[in-house]
Amino acid sequence: MLQILKRRIGEMRTIKTLCTDAERHAHADGAREPGLEHFLLAALDLPDGTLERAARAEADAAAGTRA
């Protein structure tokens, strides 16, 4: 139970970081609201490797469906 709670708290921190950084990218771009491109840039900035893990999982899933 404690491990699940720790993982969820980590996920919430990642989401908060993602949203905050997307907003920062939007403002730097002169946009009032973050768009998809700002979230993508923010995801690339994530230090915990979340984007890399998600891309790897997607690639593994795609490879499994083609096999």
N, C-alpha and C. Protein backbone atom coordinates (compact mmCIF):
# COMPACT_ATOMS: atom_id res chain seq x y z
N MET A 1 0.82 -1.20 0.00
CA MET A 1 0.00 0.00 0.00
C MET A 1 0.87 1.27 0.00
N LEU A 2 1.90 1.25 0.82
CA LEU A 2 2.76 2.42 0.90
C LEU A 2 3.49 2.67 -0.42
N GLN A 3 3.92 1.60 -1.09
CA GLN A 3 4.60 1.75 -2.37
C GLN A 3 3.67 2.36 -3.42
N ILE A 4 2.41 1.95 -3.41
CA ILE A 4 1.43 2.51 -4.35
C ILE A 4 1.25 3.99 -4.09
N LEU A 5 1.15 4.36 -2.83
CA LEU A 5 0.98 5.76 -2.46
C LEU A 5 2.19 6.58 -2.89
N LYS A 6 3.39 6.05 -2.67
CA LYS A 6 4.61 6.76 -3.08
C LYS A 6 4.64 6.96 -4.58
N ARG A 7 4.25 5.93 -5.34
CA ARG A 7 4.25 6.03 -6.80
C ARG A 7 3.24 7.09 -7.25
N ARG A 8 2.07 7.10 -6.65
CA ARG A 8 1.04 8.08 -7.03
C ARG A 8 1.50 9.50 -6.73
N ILE A 9 2.15 9.70 -5.59
CA ILE A 9 2.65 11.03 -5.25
C ILE A 9 3.71 11.46 -6.26
N GLY A 10 4.57 10.54 -6.66
CA GLY A 10 5.56 10.85 -7.68
C GLY A 10 4.92 11.22 -9.00
N GLU A 11 3.85 10.50 -9.37
CA GLU A 11 3.13 10.81 -10.61
C GLU A 11 2.50 12.18 -10.55
N MET A 12 1.95 12.55 -9.39
CA MET A 12 1.35 13.88 -9.25
C MET A 12 2.40 14.97 -9.37
N ARG A 13 3.59 14.73 -8.83
CA ARG A 13 4.68 15.70 -8.95
C ARG A 13 5.09 15.86 -10.41
N THR A 14 5.15 14.74 -11.12
CA THR A 14 5.51 14.80 -12.54
C THR A 14 4.48 15.59 -13.33
N ILE A 15 3.20 15.36 -13.07
CA ILE A 15 2.14 16.09 -13.76
C ILE A 15 2.22 17.58 -13.45
N LYS A 16 2.47 17.92 -12.19
CA LYS A 16 2.60 19.33 -11.81
C LYS A 16 3.77 19.97 -12.54
N THR A 17 4.90 19.28 -12.58
CA THR A 17 6.08 19.79 -13.27
C THR A 17 5.79 19.97 -14.76
N LEU A 18 5.15 18.98 -15.35
CA LEU A 18 4.80 19.04 -16.77
C LEU A 18 3.93 20.26 -17.07
N CYS A 19 2.91 20.48 -16.27
CA CYS A 19 2.00 21.61 -16.50
C CYS A 19 2.69 22.95 -16.28
N THR A 20 3.48 23.04 -15.23
CA THR A 20 4.19 24.28 -14.93
C THR A 20 5.18 24.62 -16.04
N ASP A 21 5.92 23.60 -16.49
CA ASP A 21 6.91 23.84 -17.55
C ASP A 21 6.24 24.13 -18.89
N ALA A 22 5.11 23.50 -19.18
CA ALA A 22 4.38 23.80 -20.42
C ALA A 22 3.91 25.25 -20.41
N GLU A 23 3.45 25.70 -19.26
CA GLU A 23 3.02 27.09 -19.13
C GLU A 23 4.21 28.03 -19.35
N ARG A 24 5.36 27.68 -18.81
CA ARG A 24 6.57 28.49 -18.97
C ARG A 24 6.97 28.56 -20.45
N HIS A 25 6.91 27.42 -21.14
CA HIS A 25 7.22 27.41 -22.57
C HIS A 25 6.22 28.26 -23.36
N ALA A 26 4.97 28.21 -22.99
CA ALA A 26 3.94 28.99 -23.68
C ALA A 26 4.20 30.48 -23.50
N HIS A 27 4.48 30.88 -22.28
CA HIS A 27 4.71 32.30 -22.02
C HIS A 27 5.97 32.79 -22.74
N ALA A 28 6.98 31.94 -22.80
CA ALA A 28 8.20 32.31 -23.52
C ALA A 28 7.94 32.45 -25.01
N ASP A 29 6.93 31.73 -25.48
CA ASP A 29 6.53 31.76 -26.89
C ASP A 29 5.56 32.91 -27.19
N GLY A 30 5.13 33.60 -26.13
CA GLY A 30 4.17 34.69 -26.30
C GLY A 30 2.73 34.22 -26.32
N ALA A 31 2.49 32.96 -25.96
CA ALA A 31 1.12 32.40 -25.94
C ALA A 31 0.54 32.56 -24.54
N ARG A 32 -0.76 32.75 -24.49
CA ARG A 32 -1.43 32.88 -23.19
C ARG A 32 -1.64 31.53 -22.53
N GLU A 33 -1.92 30.52 -23.33
CA GLU A 33 -2.20 29.18 -22.83
C GLU A 33 -1.25 28.18 -23.48
N PRO A 34 -0.82 27.17 -22.75
CA PRO A 34 0.05 26.16 -23.36
C PRO A 34 -0.72 25.28 -24.34
N GLY A 35 -0.08 24.97 -25.44
CA GLY A 35 -0.64 24.07 -26.43
C GLY A 35 0.13 22.76 -26.42
N LEU A 36 -0.23 21.91 -27.34
CA LEU A 36 0.41 20.59 -27.42
C LEU A 36 1.92 20.71 -27.55
N GLU A 37 2.38 21.65 -28.36
CA GLU A 37 3.83 21.81 -28.56
C GLU A 37 4.54 22.19 -27.27
N HIS A 38 3.86 22.96 -26.41
CA HIS A 38 4.46 23.37 -25.15
C HIS A 38 4.54 22.18 -24.18
N PHE A 39 3.51 21.33 -24.22
CA PHE A 39 3.54 20.13 -23.38
C PHE A 39 4.61 19.16 -23.86
N LEU A 40 4.80 19.07 -25.16
CA LEU A 40 5.84 18.20 -25.68
C LEU A 40 7.22 18.70 -25.26
N LEU A 41 7.45 20.00 -25.36
CA LEU A 41 8.72 20.57 -24.92
C LEU A 41 8.92 20.33 -23.42
N ALA A 42 7.87 20.49 -22.65
CA ALA A 42 7.96 20.26 -21.21
C ALA A 42 8.25 18.79 -20.92
N ALA A 43 7.65 17.89 -21.68
CA ALA A 43 7.90 16.46 -21.50
C ALA A 43 9.34 16.12 -21.81
N LEU A 44 9.90 16.76 -22.82
CA LEU A 44 11.31 16.53 -23.15
C LEU A 44 12.23 17.00 -22.03
N ASP A 45 11.78 17.97 -21.25
CA ASP A 45 12.58 18.52 -20.16
C ASP A 45 12.50 17.70 -18.87
N LEU A 46 11.55 16.76 -18.78
CA LEU A 46 11.37 16.02 -17.54
C LEU A 46 12.65 15.26 -17.17
N PRO A 47 13.13 15.47 -15.95
CA PRO A 47 14.40 14.84 -15.56
C PRO A 47 14.27 13.37 -15.17
N ASP A 48 13.06 12.91 -14.94
CA ASP A 48 12.90 11.53 -14.44
C ASP A 48 12.77 10.48 -15.53
N GLY A 49 12.87 10.88 -16.79
CA GLY A 49 12.83 9.92 -17.88
C GLY A 49 11.44 9.43 -18.24
N THR A 50 10.41 10.13 -17.82
CA THR A 50 9.03 9.72 -18.09
C THR A 50 8.76 9.61 -19.58
N LEU A 51 9.19 10.59 -20.35
CA LEU A 51 8.93 10.57 -21.79
C LEU A 51 9.64 9.39 -22.45
N GLU A 52 10.86 9.13 -22.04
CA GLU A 52 11.61 8.01 -22.62
C GLU A 52 10.92 6.68 -22.32
N ARG A 53 10.45 6.51 -21.08
CA ARG A 53 9.75 5.26 -20.72
C ARG A 53 8.46 5.12 -21.51
N ALA A 54 7.73 6.21 -21.68
CA ALA A 54 6.47 6.16 -22.43
C ALA A 54 6.73 5.83 -23.90
N ALA A 55 7.75 6.42 -24.46
CA ALA A 55 8.07 6.15 -25.87
C ALA A 55 8.52 4.71 -26.04
N ARG A 56 9.28 4.20 -25.10
CA ARG A 56 9.74 2.81 -25.17
C ARG A 56 8.55 1.85 -25.06
N ALA A 57 7.63 2.14 -24.16
CA ALA A 57 6.45 1.29 -23.98
C ALA A 57 5.60 1.30 -25.25
N GLU A 58 5.46 2.46 -25.87
CA GLU A 58 4.70 2.57 -27.11
C GLU A 58 5.37 1.78 -28.23
N ALA A 59 6.69 1.89 -28.31
CA ALA A 59 7.43 1.14 -29.34
C ALA A 59 7.32 -0.36 -29.11
N ASP A 60 7.38 -0.79 -27.86
CA ASP A 60 7.24 -2.21 -27.54
C ASP A 60 5.84 -2.70 -27.90
N ALA A 61 4.83 -1.89 -27.61
CA ALA A 61 3.46 -2.27 -27.93
C ALA A 61 3.26 -2.36 -29.43
N ALA A 62 3.82 -1.41 -30.16
CA ALA A 62 3.69 -1.41 -31.62
C ALA A 62 4.41 -2.63 -32.23
N ALA A 63 5.56 -2.95 -31.69
CA ALA A 63 6.31 -4.11 -32.18
C ALA A 63 5.55 -5.40 -31.90
N GLY A 64 4.88 -5.45 -30.77
CA GLY A 64 4.10 -6.63 -30.42
C GLY A 64 2.89 -6.84 -31.30
N THR A 65 2.30 -5.76 -31.77
CA THR A 65 1.12 -5.88 -32.61
C THR A 65 1.50 -6.24 -34.05
N ARG A 66 2.73 -5.93 -34.42
CA ARG A 66 3.18 -6.27 -35.79
C ARG A 66 3.73 -7.69 -35.88
N ALA A 67 4.12 -8.24 -34.76
CA ALA A 67 4.75 -9.57 -34.78
C ALA A 67 3.75 -10.66 -35.07
